[in-house]
Amino acid sequence: MAAVVAGTALQPARGADEARTNFFDDPFFQVSSGMTGCPAPLGPLYTQAEVRTQMHARLERGTSCWLEGRCADSNAYRYDKTIAPRARQALGGVPQLARSSVWVTVQRRWIYLQGCVPTRRVGEQLERAARAVPDVENVVNDLMVGTRGKPSYPLAAP
């Protein structure tokens, strides 16, 4: 159920014309751009309507980590700014990263990997590297092999 709830945070809004911002300042960055034609993810960009619907859920999820004794900090989202540079460094050490196009989003100690890799093995190596980062609770591997097909993540506007 957690993966389903987490995935809804990255869904695009119905009104594509509405302005989107990274209202919650979630870390979002690209670690490689070696696969031409890889569909770029939307990232953590929200409309004002989505921000309003996300606020309560994010507060609840951020605090539940602390209440359950899984976090020392009372808000799991406060870990994200320190996880992001460590994730960038860890992923940078994966062979074949330069032949991939990979974006990373960090939200409440979860790392989302999105983009394209040349082989399934490279995707698995990236996932293992992300899981090894201190304070990471979960990794969602939304990487696709090659650039053909429909990605499982919402896309950035063309």
C-alpha atoms as a PDB file:
ATOM      1  CA  MET A   1       0.000   0.000   0.000  1.00  0.00           C
ATOM      2  CA  ALA A   2       2.874   2.413   0.796  1.00  0.00           C
ATOM      3  CA  ALA A   3       4.183   2.187  -2.779  1.00  0.00           C
ATOM      4  CA  VAL A   4       0.742   3.014  -4.132  1.00  0.00           C
ATOM      5  CA  VAL A   5       0.370   6.001  -1.798  1.00  0.00           C
ATOM      6  CA  ALA A   6       3.913   7.179  -2.565  1.00  0.00           C
ATOM      7  CA  GLY A   7       3.333   6.872  -6.288  1.00  0.00           C
ATOM      8  CA  THR A   8       0.364   9.200  -6.133  1.00  0.00           C
ATOM      9  CA  ALA A   9       2.694  11.996  -5.069  1.00  0.00           C
ATOM     10  CA  LEU A  10       4.249  11.916  -8.511  1.00  0.00           C
ATOM     11  CA  GLN A  11       1.079  11.838 -10.601  1.00  0.00           C
ATOM     12  CA  PRO A  12       0.443  14.753 -12.971  1.00  0.00           C
ATOM     13  CA  ALA A  13      -2.580  16.993 -12.558  1.00  0.00           C
ATOM     14  CA  ARG A  14      -5.560  16.916 -14.871  1.00  0.00           C
ATOM     15  CA  GLY A  15      -5.096  20.565 -15.875  1.00  0.00           C
ATOM     16  CA  ALA A  16      -1.838  20.552 -17.818  1.00  0.00           C
ATOM     17  CA  ASP A  17      -2.057  24.327 -18.338  1.00  0.00           C
ATOM     18  CA  GLU A  18      -1.766  25.086 -14.611  1.00  0.00           C
ATOM     19  CA  ALA A  19       1.572  26.374 -13.338  1.00  0.00           C
ATOM     20  CA  ARG A  20       3.599  23.763 -11.485  1.00  0.00           C
ATOM     21  CA  THR A  21       6.241  24.337  -8.848  1.00  0.00           C
ATOM     22  CA  ASN A  22       8.414  22.258  -6.554  1.00  0.00           C
ATOM     23  CA  PHE A  23       6.425  23.704  -3.659  1.00  0.00           C
ATOM     24  CA  PHE A  24       7.845  21.277  -1.080  1.00  0.00           C
ATOM     25  CA  ASP A  25      11.438  21.780  -2.313  1.00  0.00           C
ATOM     26  CA  ASP A  26      11.976  18.040  -2.806  1.00  0.00           C
ATOM     27  CA  PRO A  27      15.458  17.264  -4.146  1.00  0.00           C
ATOM     28  CA  PHE A  28      15.207  16.481  -7.878  1.00  0.00           C
ATOM     29  CA  PHE A  29      18.224  16.213 -10.161  1.00  0.00           C
ATOM     30  CA  GLN A  30      19.656  14.420 -13.178  1.00  0.00           C
ATOM     31  CA  VAL A  31      22.751  12.253 -12.617  1.00  0.00           C
ATOM     32  CA  SER A  32      23.369  11.305 -16.256  1.00  0.00           C
ATOM     33  CA  SER A  33      22.211  12.162 -19.770  1.00  0.00           C
ATOM     34  CA  GLY A  34      23.837   9.525 -21.977  1.00  0.00           C
ATOM     35  CA  MET A  35      20.716   8.095 -23.667  1.00  0.00           C
ATOM     36  CA  THR A  36      19.322  10.399 -26.327  1.00  0.00           C
ATOM     37  CA  GLY A  37      15.542  10.254 -26.524  1.00  0.00           C
ATOM     38  CA  CYS A  38      14.938   9.160 -22.941  1.00  0.00           C
ATOM     39  CA  PRO A  39      11.597  10.575 -21.710  1.00  0.00           C
ATOM     40  CA  ALA A  40      12.215  13.133 -18.954  1.00  0.00           C
ATOM     41  CA  PRO A  41      10.145  12.713 -15.791  1.00  0.00           C
ATOM     42  CA  LEU A  42       7.847  15.409 -14.437  1.00  0.00           C
ATOM     43  CA  GLY A  43       9.609  15.393 -11.093  1.00  0.00           C
ATOM     44  CA  PRO A  44       8.072  16.768  -7.896  1.00  0.00           C
ATOM     45  CA  LEU A  45       6.173  19.612  -9.568  1.00  0.00           C
ATOM     46  CA  TYR A  46       2.683  20.339  -8.281  1.00  0.00           C
ATOM     47  CA  THR A  47      -0.232  22.604  -9.116  1.00  0.00           C
ATOM     48  CA  GLN A  48      -1.731  24.631  -6.266  1.00  0.00           C
ATOM     49  CA  ALA A  49      -4.638  22.172  -6.083  1.00  0.00           C
ATOM     50  CA  GLU A  50      -2.218  19.249  -5.749  1.00  0.00           C
ATOM     51  CA  VAL A  51      -0.267  21.093  -3.048  1.00  0.00           C
ATOM     52  CA  ARG A  52      -3.439  21.449  -0.990  1.00  0.00           C
ATOM     53  CA  THR A  53      -4.248  17.744  -1.304  1.00  0.00           C
ATOM     54  CA  GLN A  54      -0.661  16.706  -0.533  1.00  0.00           C
ATOM     55  CA  MET A  55      -0.141  18.833   2.583  1.00  0.00           C
ATOM     56  CA  HIS A  56      -2.026  16.680   5.080  1.00  0.00           C
ATOM     57  CA  ALA A  57      -0.734  13.370   3.712  1.00  0.00           C
ATOM     58  CA  ARG A  58       2.876  14.604   3.723  1.00  0.00           C
ATOM     59  CA  LEU A  59       2.560  15.842   7.298  1.00  0.00           C
ATOM     60  CA  GLU A  60       1.137  12.509   8.389  1.00  0.00           C
ATOM     61  CA  ARG A  61       3.727  10.385   6.506  1.00  0.00           C
ATOM     62  CA  GLY A  62       6.615  12.566   7.656  1.00  0.00           C
ATOM     63  CA  THR A  63       5.627  12.299  11.320  1.00  0.00           C
ATOM     64  CA  SER A  64       4.661   8.611  11.319  1.00  0.00           C
ATOM     65  CA  CYS A  65       8.306   7.640  10.744  1.00  0.00           C
ATOM     66  CA  TRP A  66       9.241   9.294  14.038  1.00  0.00           C
ATOM     67  CA  LEU A  67       6.207   7.996  15.927  1.00  0.00           C
ATOM     68  CA  GLU A  68       7.018   4.432  14.815  1.00  0.00           C
ATOM     69  CA  GLY A  69      10.642   4.806  15.945  1.00  0.00           C
ATOM     70  CA  ARG A  70      12.110   4.532  12.419  1.00  0.00           C
ATOM     71  CA  CYS A  71      13.452   8.127  12.406  1.00  0.00           C
ATOM     72  CA  ALA A  72      15.337  10.154  14.991  1.00  0.00           C
ATOM     73  CA  ASP A  73      13.937  13.363  13.451  1.00  0.00           C
ATOM     74  CA  SER A  74      10.249  14.177  13.908  1.00  0.00           C
ATOM     75  CA  ASN A  75       9.844  14.736  10.139  1.00  0.00           C
ATOM     76  CA  ALA A  76      11.161  12.199   7.614  1.00  0.00           C
ATOM     77  CA  TYR A  77      11.265  14.854   4.875  1.00  0.00           C
ATOM     78  CA  ARG A  78      14.046  16.723   6.722  1.00  0.00           C
ATOM     79  CA  TYR A  79      16.458  13.886   5.831  1.00  0.00           C
ATOM     80  CA  ASP A  80      16.065  14.515   2.097  1.00  0.00           C
ATOM     81  CA  LYS A  81      18.504  17.438   1.775  1.00  0.00           C
ATOM     82  CA  THR A  82      21.342  15.351   3.257  1.00  0.00           C
ATOM     83  CA  ILE A  83      20.401  12.170   1.410  1.00  0.00           C
ATOM     84  CA  ALA A  84      20.426  13.880  -2.019  1.00  0.00           C
ATOM     85  CA  PRO A  85      24.187  14.653  -2.295  1.00  0.00           C
ATOM     86  CA  ARG A  86      25.078  11.233  -0.891  1.00  0.00           C
ATOM     87  CA  ALA A  87      22.769   9.614  -3.443  1.00  0.00           C
ATOM     88  CA  ARG A  88      24.365  11.618  -6.269  1.00  0.00           C
ATOM     89  CA  GLN A  89      27.815  10.457  -5.174  1.00  0.00           C
ATOM     90  CA  ALA A  90      26.773   6.815  -4.744  1.00  0.00           C
ATOM     91  CA  LEU A  91      25.052   6.657  -8.129  1.00  0.00           C
ATOM     92  CA  GLY A  92      28.042   8.345  -9.783  1.00  0.00           C
ATOM     93  CA  GLY A  93      30.147   5.312  -8.912  1.00  0.00           C
ATOM     94  CA  VAL A  94      28.006   2.878 -10.919  1.00  0.00           C
ATOM     95  CA  PRO A  95      29.672   1.607 -14.119  1.00  0.00           C
ATOM     96  CA  GLN A  96      27.766   2.453 -17.304  1.00  0.00           C
ATOM     97  CA  LEU A  97      26.017   5.413 -15.666  1.00  0.00           C
ATOM     98  CA  ALA A  98      27.399   7.654 -18.423  1.00  0.00           C
ATOM     99  CA  ARG A  99      25.508   5.540 -20.997  1.00  0.00           C
ATOM    100  CA  SER A 100      22.226   6.110 -19.122  1.00  0.00           C
ATOM    101  CA  SER A 101      19.830   9.018 -18.567  1.00  0.00           C
ATOM    102  CA  VAL A 102      18.758   9.009 -14.927  1.00  0.00           C
ATOM    103  CA  TRP A 103      16.831  11.458 -12.744  1.00  0.00           C
ATOM    104  CA  VAL A 104      16.484  11.222  -8.975  1.00  0.00           C
ATOM    105  CA  THR A 105      13.763  12.460  -6.656  1.00  0.00           C
ATOM    106  CA  VAL A 106      14.177  12.225  -2.872  1.00  0.00           C
ATOM    107  CA  GLN A 107      11.022  12.326  -0.730  1.00  0.00           C
ATOM    108  CA  ARG A 108      10.775  11.352   2.970  1.00  0.00           C
ATOM    109  CA  ARG A 109      13.835   9.090   2.840  1.00  0.00           C
ATOM    110  CA  TRP A 110      12.662   7.399  -0.383  1.00  0.00           C
ATOM    111  CA  ILE A 111      14.703   7.630  -3.567  1.00  0.00           C
ATOM    112  CA  TYR A 112      12.870   7.474  -6.892  1.00  0.00           C
ATOM    113  CA  LEU A 113      15.054   6.497  -9.876  1.00  0.00           C
ATOM    114  CA  GLN A 114      13.530   7.434 -13.232  1.00  0.00           C
ATOM    115  CA  GLY A 115      14.847   7.383 -16.763  1.00  0.00           C
ATOM    116  CA  CYS A 116      16.625   4.987 -19.113  1.00  0.00           C
ATOM    117  CA  VAL A 117      19.465   2.501 -18.728  1.00  0.00           C
ATOM    118  CA  PRO A 118      21.225   0.373 -21.369  1.00  0.00           C
ATOM    119  CA  THR A 119      20.613  -2.917 -19.521  1.00  0.00           C
ATOM    120  CA  ARG A 120      18.567  -4.287 -16.633  1.00  0.00           C
ATOM    121  CA  ARG A 121      21.838  -4.964 -14.798  1.00  0.00           C
ATOM    122  CA  VAL A 122      22.756  -1.256 -14.794  1.00  0.00           C
ATOM    123  CA  GLY A 123      19.324  -0.456 -13.323  1.00  0.00           C
ATOM    124  CA  GLU A 124      19.837  -3.059 -10.603  1.00  0.00           C
ATOM    125  CA  GLN A 125      23.284  -1.634  -9.811  1.00  0.00           C
ATOM    126  CA  LEU A 126      21.824   1.859  -9.511  1.00  0.00           C
ATOM    127  CA  GLU A 127      19.099   0.599  -7.212  1.00  0.00           C
ATOM    128  CA  ARG A 128      21.636  -1.195  -4.969  1.00  0.00           C
ATOM    129  CA  ALA A 129      23.818   1.923  -4.833  1.00  0.00           C
ATOM    130  CA  ALA A 130      20.808   4.055  -3.809  1.00  0.00           C
ATOM    131  CA  ARG A 131      19.727   1.551  -1.132  1.00  0.00           C
ATOM    132  CA  ALA A 132      23.211   1.703   0.405  1.00  0.00           C
ATOM    133  CA  VAL A 133      22.942   5.448   1.095  1.00  0.00           C
ATOM    134  CA  PRO A 134      22.615   6.103   4.849  1.00  0.00           C
ATOM    135  CA  ASP A 135      19.111   7.035   6.084  1.00  0.00           C
ATOM    136  CA  VAL A 136      17.372   5.780   2.904  1.00  0.00           C
ATOM    137  CA  GLU A 137      14.240   3.829   3.797  1.00  0.00           C
ATOM    138  CA  ASN A 138      13.191   2.676   0.311  1.00  0.00           C
ATOM    139  CA  VAL A 139      14.129   2.930  -3.370  1.00  0.00           C
ATOM    140  CA  VAL A 140      11.582   2.947  -6.194  1.00  0.00           C
ATOM    141  CA  ASN A 141      13.203   1.775  -9.424  1.00  0.00           C
ATOM    142  CA  ASP A 142      11.209   3.265 -12.308  1.00  0.00           C
ATOM    143  CA  LEU A 143      14.075   2.872 -14.796  1.00  0.00           C
ATOM    144  CA  MET A 144      13.312   1.465 -18.227  1.00  0.00           C
ATOM    145  CA  VAL A 145      15.729  -0.467 -20.420  1.00  0.00           C
ATOM    146  CA  GLY A 146      16.306   1.535 -23.592  1.00  0.00           C
ATOM    147  CA  THR A 147      14.195   4.462 -24.726  1.00  0.00           C
ATOM    148  CA  ARG A 148      11.299   2.662 -26.401  1.00  0.00           C
ATOM    149  CA  GLY A 149       8.020   1.990 -24.719  1.00  0.00           C
ATOM    150  CA  LYS A 150       5.973   3.905 -22.207  1.00  0.00           C
ATOM    151  CA  PRO A 151       7.714   4.865 -18.963  1.00  0.00           C
ATOM    152  CA  SER A 152       5.975   4.106 -15.670  1.00  0.00           C
ATOM    153  CA  TYR A 153       6.504   7.665 -14.436  1.00  0.00           C
ATOM    154  CA  PRO A 154       4.689  10.931 -15.305  1.00  0.00           C
ATOM    155  CA  LEU A 155       6.444  12.891 -18.037  1.00  0.00           C
ATOM    156  CA  ALA A 156       7.689  16.464 -18.157  1.00  0.00           C
ATOM    157  CA  ALA A 157       5.982  18.717 -20.666  1.00  0.00           C
ATOM    158  CA  PRO A 158       7.664  18.540 -24.097  1.00  0.00           C
END
